Amino acid sequence: MQLLEFEKPIAELERELDKLRTQSDSQDIDMSAEIATMEEKVAETRRQIYKNLTPWQRVQIARHTQRPFMLDYLAHAFSDFCELHGDRRIGDDHAMPGGFATIGGQRVVVVGHQKGRDTKENLKRNFGSANPEGYRKAMRLMKLAEKFKMPVVCMIDTPGAYPGIGAEERNIAEAIAYNLREMMLLEVPVVAVVIGEGGSGGALGIGVADRVLMLENSYYSVISPEGCAAILWKHRKHAPEAAEAMKLAAPDLLKLGLIDGVIPEALGGAHHDHLATAAALKDAVLGQLEELSKLSVKKLLDQRYEKFRNFGEWNG
């Protein structure tokens, strides 16, 4: 498994623990006391490191290649997924899969970003950066959800919308702007979950929701830490300072009132336990859908409008 820089002290202690176990077995020596002490030291070091993660360390975890992606959550937290393809204009976008699914007995429409774990899959998924047809497909599916009175669940995991020439020619800015407006008017409950990276307009293009949740080690920001550092400090090496200043981590955004809840992950990140994180996501989404289902359409739309209108409000 990919080892992050701040996890190296844990890995070093685990190697020492393995040496003790090997020595005990090979030499037939009772070293149970030493092994128990080292196990406790490993556990305590792990707790201390993961309990005091910096925003930049959370960004690194959010980008971990073994972290569960959208289709992993569909496999573990949803059932009966039926994928739908195409935007009915240009074509399909594999970076933005979506379709009908069931969660906890509730039929929903799910859309979201999908990354790849190897080069071949990343090329297919365009590294999670959707083209205009991806956002238009997402809106087509949301309109279907509205037609059939189904809630919408969006899973956000992108460094940003694709900035290529082709995307600009097909009007990526208009596609995202159209989604922002139309999502505000959807007459069904919408729950969005940031499961990894939540970068810029690419994330917001499916992020206008009644409830916005974030996994504990995800991030949500108008720009990447590296991009911010390149602008303000003129060098990417200042990304950790940028991440701290930008308040892009879930705990900070919850305090600022920009999101509605934080979903806990397994110790060390979701990549350490896909099933436990998927179960937590399922419970959180079902809890929000249950609350939202009690609201009238008018109340739902009014609350959604006020939620986003209040962002950035200053009380001096």
Protein backbone atom coordinates (compact mmCIF):
# COMPACT_ATOMS: atom_id res chain seq x y z
CA MET A 1 0.00 0.00 0.00
CA GLN A 2 1.18 3.53 -0.81
CA LEU A 3 2.96 4.99 2.23
CA LEU A 4 2.56 8.71 2.90
CA GLU A 5 5.47 10.72 4.31
CA PHE A 6 3.91 11.35 7.72
CA GLU A 7 3.14 7.62 8.10
CA LYS A 8 6.81 6.59 8.03
CA PRO A 9 7.23 6.59 11.86
CA ILE A 10 4.38 4.06 12.04
CA ALA A 11 5.96 1.91 9.33
CA GLU A 12 9.32 1.97 11.13
CA LEU A 13 7.76 0.80 14.40
CA GLU A 14 5.85 -1.93 12.55
CA ARG A 15 9.13 -3.18 11.08
CA GLU A 16 10.63 -3.31 14.59
CA LEU A 17 7.56 -5.24 15.75
CA ASP A 18 7.94 -7.74 12.90
CA LYS A 19 11.60 -8.25 13.83
CA LEU A 20 10.63 -9.04 17.43
CA ARG A 21 8.01 -11.55 16.30
CA THR A 22 10.42 -13.19 13.86
CA GLN A 23 13.16 -13.40 16.52
CA SER A 24 10.72 -14.89 19.02
CA ASP A 25 9.54 -17.55 16.56
CA SER A 26 12.91 -18.44 15.02
CA GLN A 27 14.80 -18.66 18.33
CA ASP A 28 11.91 -20.06 20.36
CA ILE A 29 12.23 -17.26 22.94
CA ASP A 30 9.34 -15.90 24.96
CA MET A 31 9.27 -12.22 24.04
CA SER A 32 5.56 -11.67 24.65
CA ALA A 33 6.18 -8.76 27.05
CA GLU A 34 8.42 -6.92 24.56
CA ILE A 35 5.99 -7.62 21.71
CA ALA A 36 3.02 -6.35 23.75
CA THR A 37 4.93 -3.16 24.63
CA MET A 38 5.83 -2.57 20.99
CA GLU A 39 2.25 -3.25 19.86
CA GLU A 40 1.00 -0.63 22.29
CA LYS A 41 3.66 1.81 21.06
CA VAL A 42 2.58 1.23 17.44
CA ALA A 43 -1.09 1.71 18.33
CA GLU A 44 -0.41 4.88 20.32
CA THR A 45 1.79 6.37 17.58
CA ARG A 46 -0.90 5.61 15.02
CA ARG A 47 -3.58 7.25 17.19
CA GLN A 48 -1.48 10.36 17.81
CA ILE A 49 -0.56 10.86 14.15
CA TYR A 50 -4.06 10.34 12.77
CA LYS A 51 -5.73 12.34 15.54
CA ASN A 52 -3.63 15.43 14.76
CA LEU A 53 -3.62 15.49 10.96
CA THR A 54 -2.86 18.81 9.29
CA PRO A 55 -5.01 20.02 6.36
CA TRP A 56 -2.20 19.13 3.93
CA GLN A 57 -1.99 15.60 5.33
CA ARG A 58 -5.75 15.25 4.83
CA VAL A 59 -5.30 16.36 1.22
CA GLN A 60 -2.71 13.60 0.76
CA ILE A 61 -5.10 11.02 2.20
CA ALA A 62 -7.92 12.33 -0.04
CA ARG A 63 -5.68 11.61 -3.04
CA HIS A 64 -4.56 8.15 -1.93
CA THR A 65 -4.74 5.73 -4.86
CA GLN A 66 -6.28 2.98 -2.70
CA ARG A 67 -9.03 5.21 -1.35
CA PRO A 68 -12.54 3.99 -2.27
CA PHE A 69 -13.97 5.73 -5.32
CA MET A 70 -17.56 6.32 -6.37
CA LEU A 71 -18.08 2.87 -7.90
CA ASP A 72 -16.67 1.25 -4.75
CA TYR A 73 -19.32 3.02 -2.66
CA LEU A 74 -21.97 1.98 -5.17
CA ALA A 75 -20.86 -1.63 -4.68
CA HIS A 76 -20.72 -1.50 -0.87
CA ALA A 77 -23.42 1.01 0.17
CA PHE A 78 -25.93 0.79 -2.70
CA SER A 79 -27.57 -2.02 -4.62
CA ASP A 80 -29.35 -2.58 -7.95
CA PHE A 81 -27.23 0.01 -9.75
CA CYS A 82 -28.34 0.53 -13.35
CA GLU A 83 -25.93 2.82 -15.18
CA LEU A 84 -27.27 5.22 -17.79
CA HIS A 85 -25.05 6.69 -20.50
CA GLY A 86 -24.77 9.79 -22.63
CA ASP A 87 -25.86 13.42 -22.52
CA ARG A 88 -28.03 13.13 -25.69
CA ARG A 89 -25.89 15.84 -27.31
CA ILE A 90 -22.23 14.88 -27.70
CA GLY A 91 -21.62 11.52 -26.08
CA ASP A 92 -20.84 9.73 -22.83
CA ASP A 93 -18.30 10.72 -20.17
CA HIS A 94 -16.68 7.92 -18.19
CA ALA A 95 -15.42 10.43 -15.59
CA MET A 96 -19.05 10.99 -14.49
CA PRO A 97 -20.95 7.71 -14.19
CA GLY A 98 -24.54 7.76 -12.98
CA GLY A 99 -27.83 5.93 -12.96
CA PHE A 100 -30.54 4.43 -10.80
CA ALA A 101 -29.66 2.66 -7.53
CA THR A 102 -31.17 1.60 -4.21
CA ILE A 103 -29.89 2.60 -0.77
CA GLY A 104 -31.56 1.23 2.34
CA GLY A 105 -34.69 0.35 0.37
CA GLN A 106 -34.89 3.89 -1.08
CA ARG A 107 -34.70 4.17 -4.86
CA VAL A 108 -32.45 7.08 -5.88
CA VAL A 109 -30.51 8.53 -8.79
CA VAL A 110 -26.74 8.57 -8.19
CA VAL A 111 -24.19 10.63 -10.10
CA GLY A 112 -20.56 11.34 -9.31
CA HIS A 113 -16.93 11.52 -10.33
CA GLN A 114 -14.92 8.36 -10.87
CA LYS A 115 -11.11 8.14 -10.89
CA GLY A 116 -8.89 5.24 -11.91
CA ARG A 117 -6.29 3.25 -9.97
CA ASP A 118 -3.92 2.50 -12.83
CA THR A 119 -2.87 4.31 -15.99
CA LYS A 120 -5.34 2.51 -18.25
CA GLU A 121 -8.32 3.21 -16.01
CA ASN A 122 -7.22 6.79 -15.33
CA LEU A 123 -7.10 7.47 -19.06
CA LYS A 124 -10.60 6.05 -19.41
CA ARG A 125 -11.88 8.11 -16.47
CA ASN A 126 -9.80 11.18 -17.41
CA PHE A 127 -8.36 11.22 -13.85
CA GLY A 128 -11.80 12.13 -12.49
CA SER A 129 -12.00 15.40 -14.45
CA ALA A 130 -15.29 15.51 -16.32
CA ASN A 131 -15.93 17.12 -19.70
CA PRO A 132 -19.05 19.20 -20.49
CA GLU A 133 -20.94 16.07 -21.56
CA GLY A 134 -20.37 14.64 -18.07
CA TYR A 135 -22.12 17.57 -16.41
CA ARG A 136 -24.89 17.54 -19.02
CA LYS A 137 -25.37 13.82 -18.47
CA ALA A 138 -25.53 14.42 -14.71
CA MET A 139 -28.24 17.04 -15.19
CA ARG A 140 -30.16 14.75 -17.56
CA LEU A 141 -30.21 12.09 -14.84
CA MET A 142 -31.24 14.61 -12.18
CA LYS A 143 -34.17 15.66 -14.38
CA LEU A 144 -35.13 11.99 -14.62
CA ALA A 145 -35.01 11.80 -10.82
CA GLU A 146 -37.32 14.81 -10.62
CA LYS A 147 -39.72 13.25 -13.14
CA PHE A 148 -39.97 10.02 -11.14
CA LYS A 149 -39.90 11.75 -7.70
CA MET A 150 -36.61 10.16 -6.67
CA PRO A 151 -33.97 11.78 -4.44
CA VAL A 152 -30.56 12.56 -5.95
CA VAL A 153 -27.25 11.50 -4.38
CA CYS A 154 -24.06 13.10 -5.75
CA MET A 155 -20.57 11.83 -4.95
CA ILE A 156 -17.84 14.42 -5.50
CA ASP A 157 -14.24 13.37 -6.15
CA THR A 158 -12.42 15.51 -8.68
CA PRO A 159 -9.38 17.80 -8.84
CA GLY A 160 -11.51 19.99 -11.13
CA ALA A 161 -13.40 19.97 -14.41
CA TYR A 162 -11.28 19.12 -17.45
CA PRO A 163 -9.57 22.31 -18.73
CA GLY A 164 -8.69 21.04 -22.22
CA ILE A 165 -9.32 22.81 -25.52
CA GLY A 166 -12.10 20.39 -26.47
CA ALA A 167 -13.89 21.02 -23.19
CA GLU A 168 -13.68 24.77 -23.77
CA GLU A 169 -14.95 24.36 -27.34
CA ARG A 170 -17.96 22.45 -26.01
CA ASN A 171 -18.51 25.13 -23.36
CA ILE A 172 -17.54 23.58 -20.01
CA ALA A 173 -18.28 26.85 -18.17
CA GLU A 174 -21.85 26.96 -19.50
CA ALA A 175 -22.43 23.30 -18.63
CA ILE A 176 -21.39 23.88 -15.01
CA ALA A 177 -23.27 27.19 -14.74
CA TYR A 178 -26.42 25.53 -16.11
CA ASN A 179 -26.12 22.79 -13.48
CA LEU A 180 -25.77 25.35 -10.68
CA ARG A 181 -29.01 27.02 -11.71
CA GLU A 182 -31.00 23.88 -12.42
CA MET A 183 -29.90 22.03 -9.28
CA MET A 184 -31.17 24.96 -7.24
CA LEU A 185 -34.62 24.34 -8.77
CA LEU A 186 -34.85 20.53 -8.53
CA GLU A 187 -38.07 19.58 -6.76
CA VAL A 188 -36.60 16.47 -5.11
CA PRO A 189 -34.14 16.10 -2.20
CA VAL A 190 -30.47 16.33 -3.16
CA VAL A 191 -27.62 15.06 -0.96
CA ALA A 192 -24.00 15.60 -2.00
CA VAL A 193 -21.01 13.83 -0.42
CA VAL A 194 -17.39 14.85 -0.98
CA ILE A 195 -15.65 11.48 -0.89
CA GLY A 196 -12.13 12.60 -1.86
CA GLU A 197 -11.08 15.70 -3.74
CA GLY A 198 -13.58 18.53 -4.12
CA GLY A 199 -11.88 20.86 -6.53
CA SER A 200 -13.26 24.12 -7.89
CA GLY A 201 -16.27 24.38 -10.23
CA GLY A 202 -15.78 20.77 -11.21
CA ALA A 203 -16.97 19.80 -7.73
CA LEU A 204 -19.63 22.49 -7.44
CA GLY A 205 -21.14 21.40 -10.78
CA ILE A 206 -22.84 18.55 -8.92
CA GLY A 207 -22.62 20.10 -5.44
CA VAL A 208 -25.69 22.33 -5.17
CA ALA A 209 -27.56 20.21 -2.65
CA ASP A 210 -29.93 20.40 0.30
CA ARG A 211 -27.28 18.67 2.40
CA VAL A 212 -23.56 18.68 1.68
CA LEU A 213 -21.53 16.10 3.62
CA MET A 214 -17.81 15.38 3.59
CA LEU A 215 -15.80 12.33 4.49
CA GLU A 216 -13.42 13.08 7.35
CA ASN A 217 -10.29 13.15 5.17
CA SER A 218 -11.66 14.79 2.04
CA TYR A 219 -11.22 18.40 1.01
CA TYR A 220 -13.43 21.00 -0.72
CA SER A 221 -11.95 24.17 -2.19
CA VAL A 222 -12.03 26.69 -5.03
CA ILE A 223 -8.47 25.71 -6.00
CA SER A 224 -5.91 23.05 -5.15
CA PRO A 225 -3.29 23.85 -2.48
CA GLU A 226 -0.59 23.65 -5.17
CA GLY A 227 -2.47 26.10 -7.39
CA CYS A 228 -2.96 28.52 -4.50
CA ALA A 229 0.72 28.25 -3.54
CA ALA A 230 1.80 28.91 -7.13
CA ILE A 231 -0.27 32.12 -7.18
CA LEU A 232 0.48 33.50 -3.71
CA TRP A 233 3.97 32.14 -3.00
CA LYS A 234 5.10 31.60 -6.59
CA HIS A 235 6.07 28.00 -5.80
CA ARG A 236 4.21 24.72 -5.25
CA LYS A 237 6.44 23.82 -2.28
CA HIS A 238 4.25 26.10 -0.14
CA ALA A 239 1.20 23.85 -0.68
CA PRO A 240 1.08 22.80 3.02
CA GLU A 241 0.87 26.46 4.10
CA ALA A 242 -1.77 27.12 1.45
CA ALA A 243 -3.84 24.16 2.64
CA GLU A 244 -3.72 25.50 6.20
CA ALA A 245 -4.72 29.03 5.14
CA MET A 246 -7.52 27.92 2.81
CA LYS A 247 -9.53 26.06 5.49
CA LEU A 248 -10.34 23.32 3.00
CA ALA A 249 -10.60 20.35 5.39
CA ALA A 250 -13.93 18.98 6.57
CA PRO A 251 -13.62 20.06 10.25
CA ASP A 252 -12.87 23.67 9.23
CA LEU A 253 -15.68 23.82 6.67
CA LEU A 254 -18.14 22.44 9.23
CA LYS A 255 -17.17 25.21 11.68
CA LEU A 256 -17.65 27.80 8.93
CA GLY A 257 -21.12 26.44 8.19
CA LEU A 258 -20.28 25.60 4.57
CA ILE A 259 -21.11 21.91 4.93
CA ASP A 260 -23.74 20.07 6.94
CA GLY A 261 -21.85 17.13 8.37
CA VAL A 262 -18.63 15.12 8.53
CA ILE A 263 -18.69 11.36 7.96
CA PRO A 264 -16.08 9.48 10.04
CA GLU A 265 -13.52 7.27 8.32
CA ALA A 266 -11.53 4.28 9.49
CA LEU A 267 -8.41 5.21 11.48
CA GLY A 268 -5.80 6.39 9.00
CA GLY A 269 -8.25 6.98 6.17
CA ALA A 270 -10.97 5.26 4.17
CA HIS A 271 -8.40 3.21 2.23
CA HIS A 272 -7.73 1.17 5.38
CA ASP A 273 -11.33 -0.08 5.56
CA HIS A 274 -13.60 0.37 2.54
CA LEU A 275 -16.54 -1.47 4.08
CA ALA A 276 -16.65 0.50 7.34
CA THR A 277 -16.44 3.83 5.49
CA ALA A 278 -19.14 2.75 3.03
CA ALA A 279 -21.39 1.78 5.95
CA ALA A 280 -20.85 5.19 7.56
CA LEU A 281 -21.63 6.94 4.27
CA LYS A 282 -24.79 4.88 3.84
CA ASP A 283 -26.04 5.73 7.33
CA ALA A 284 -25.30 9.43 6.84
CA VAL A 285 -27.04 9.64 3.46
CA LEU A 286 -30.10 7.72 4.68
CA GLY A 287 -30.35 9.98 7.73
CA GLN A 288 -30.37 13.09 5.56
CA LEU A 289 -32.85 11.64 3.06
CA GLU A 290 -35.21 10.73 5.89
CA GLU A 291 -35.18 14.32 7.17
CA LEU A 292 -35.57 15.86 3.72
CA SER A 293 -38.42 13.56 2.73
CA LYS A 294 -40.58 15.18 5.41
CA LEU A 295 -40.40 18.61 3.76
CA SER A 296 -42.85 19.96 1.21
CA VAL A 297 -41.45 20.93 -2.18
CA LYS A 298 -41.82 24.62 -1.34
CA LYS A 299 -40.04 24.24 1.99
CA LEU A 300 -37.30 22.17 0.34
CA LEU A 301 -36.64 24.81 -2.33
CA ASP A 302 -36.82 27.71 0.13
CA GLN A 303 -34.32 26.07 2.49
CA ARG A 304 -31.94 25.23 -0.35
CA TYR A 305 -32.08 28.80 -1.66
CA GLU A 306 -31.46 30.30 1.77
CA LYS A 307 -28.64 27.85 2.47
CA PHE A 308 -26.56 29.08 -0.46
CA ARG A 309 -27.62 32.72 -0.15
CA ASN A 310 -26.24 32.77 3.40
CA PHE A 311 -22.75 31.67 2.37
CA GLY A 312 -20.25 34.45 2.89
CA GLU A 313 -22.60 36.48 5.04
CA TRP A 314 -20.64 38.74 7.38
CA ASN A 315 -21.83 39.56 10.89
CA GLY A 316 -19.55 42.31 12.15
